[in-house]
Every structure is written in structure tokens, then in C-alpha cells.
Protein backbone atom coordinates (compact mmCIF):
# COMPACT_ATOMS: atom_id res chain seq x y z
CA UNK A 1 0.00 0.00 0.00
CA UNK A 2 1.35 3.43 -0.94
CA UNK A 3 0.71 6.18 1.65
CA UNK A 4 1.00 9.97 1.66
CA UNK A 5 0.57 12.05 4.82
CA UNK A 6 -0.64 15.65 5.11
CA UNK A 7 -0.97 17.72 8.27
CA UNK A 8 -4.13 19.79 7.87
CA UNK A 9 -4.30 21.05 11.44
CA UNK A 10 -0.67 21.83 12.29
CA UNK A 11 -0.65 19.56 15.33
CA UNK A 12 1.37 16.60 14.09
CA UNK A 13 4.55 17.63 15.91
CA UNK A 14 2.83 17.89 19.29
CA UNK A 15 0.84 14.67 19.45
CA UNK A 16 1.60 11.03 18.88
CA UNK A 17 -0.36 9.17 16.24
CA UNK A 18 -2.33 6.52 18.10
CA UNK A 19 -5.23 5.65 15.83
CA UNK A 20 -6.73 6.51 12.48
CA UNK A 21 -10.17 6.15 10.98
CA UNK A 22 -11.19 6.04 7.30
CA UNK A 23 -12.98 9.23 6.25
CA UNK A 24 -13.17 8.90 2.45
CA UNK A 25 -12.76 6.55 -0.51
CA UNK A 26 -10.60 7.45 -3.49
CA UNK A 27 -12.20 6.37 -6.78
CA UNK A 28 -10.82 6.05 -10.30
CA UNK A 29 -12.31 8.85 -12.43
CA UNK A 30 -12.77 6.55 -15.44
CA UNK A 31 -14.33 3.40 -14.01
CA UNK A 32 -15.33 4.27 -10.42
CA UNK A 33 -13.20 1.52 -8.86
CA UNK A 34 -11.94 2.17 -5.33
CA UNK A 35 -8.22 2.89 -5.64
CA UNK A 36 -7.49 4.02 -2.08
CA UNK A 37 -8.75 5.43 1.20
CA UNK A 38 -8.20 8.63 3.17
CA UNK A 39 -7.56 8.19 6.89
CA UNK A 40 -7.68 10.82 9.63
CA UNK A 41 -5.32 10.36 12.57
CA UNK A 42 -6.06 11.43 16.14
CA UNK A 43 -3.54 14.26 15.50
CA UNK A 44 -5.72 15.76 12.76
CA UNK A 45 -3.35 14.63 10.01
CA UNK A 46 -4.86 12.96 6.98
CA UNK A 47 -3.19 10.15 5.12
CA UNK A 48 -4.00 8.77 1.69
CA UNK A 49 -3.48 5.03 1.36
CA UNK A 50 -3.40 3.90 -2.28
CA UNK A 51 -4.06 0.38 -3.51
CA UNK A 52 -1.07 0.42 -5.84
CA UNK A 53 0.47 3.47 -7.49
CA UNK A 54 -0.70 6.94 -6.36
CA UNK A 55 -2.86 8.81 -8.87
CA UNK A 56 -3.06 12.50 -9.68
CA UNK A 57 -6.68 12.46 -10.84
CA UNK A 58 -9.36 10.78 -8.75
CA UNK A 59 -12.76 11.37 -7.20
CA UNK A 60 -13.21 11.54 -3.42
CA UNK A 61 -16.26 9.96 -1.79
CA UNK A 62 -16.76 11.04 1.82
CA UNK A 63 -17.80 8.26 4.20
CA UNK A 64 -20.77 8.96 6.45
């Protein structure tokens, strides 16, 4: 699994990552297949986890 992390809340340096929850699916723009997930850590950071190679164009489907 290929992962990319982004700190959207500026708190990553002050807290330890303990747990993450999925908040969105990443879908292929052409065929709608799920190609990854977005996780949110307890620190506020988000992390994209790709099923294979990371893509530049994709649709995001928020989980409810």
C-alpha cells in the first residue's frame, strides 16, 4: 500500500499518532473503482493510502 501524509491542522509535531479512521474513498475517475482510502489520525493529520500506485486524478467519496 502506498501512503501519503498531510498535516491539515498543524498539530502533528505535538501529538503522537495513536489511531486513524477512514474518512473517504478514493475512486478512479474513469471506471469508479476504489483505488485508495483517506484516513484521519487522532492528531488531525490525513493520510492517503493507495491500492497500488498513487494517482493525480481521482474522485473523493466522503464516508458517512
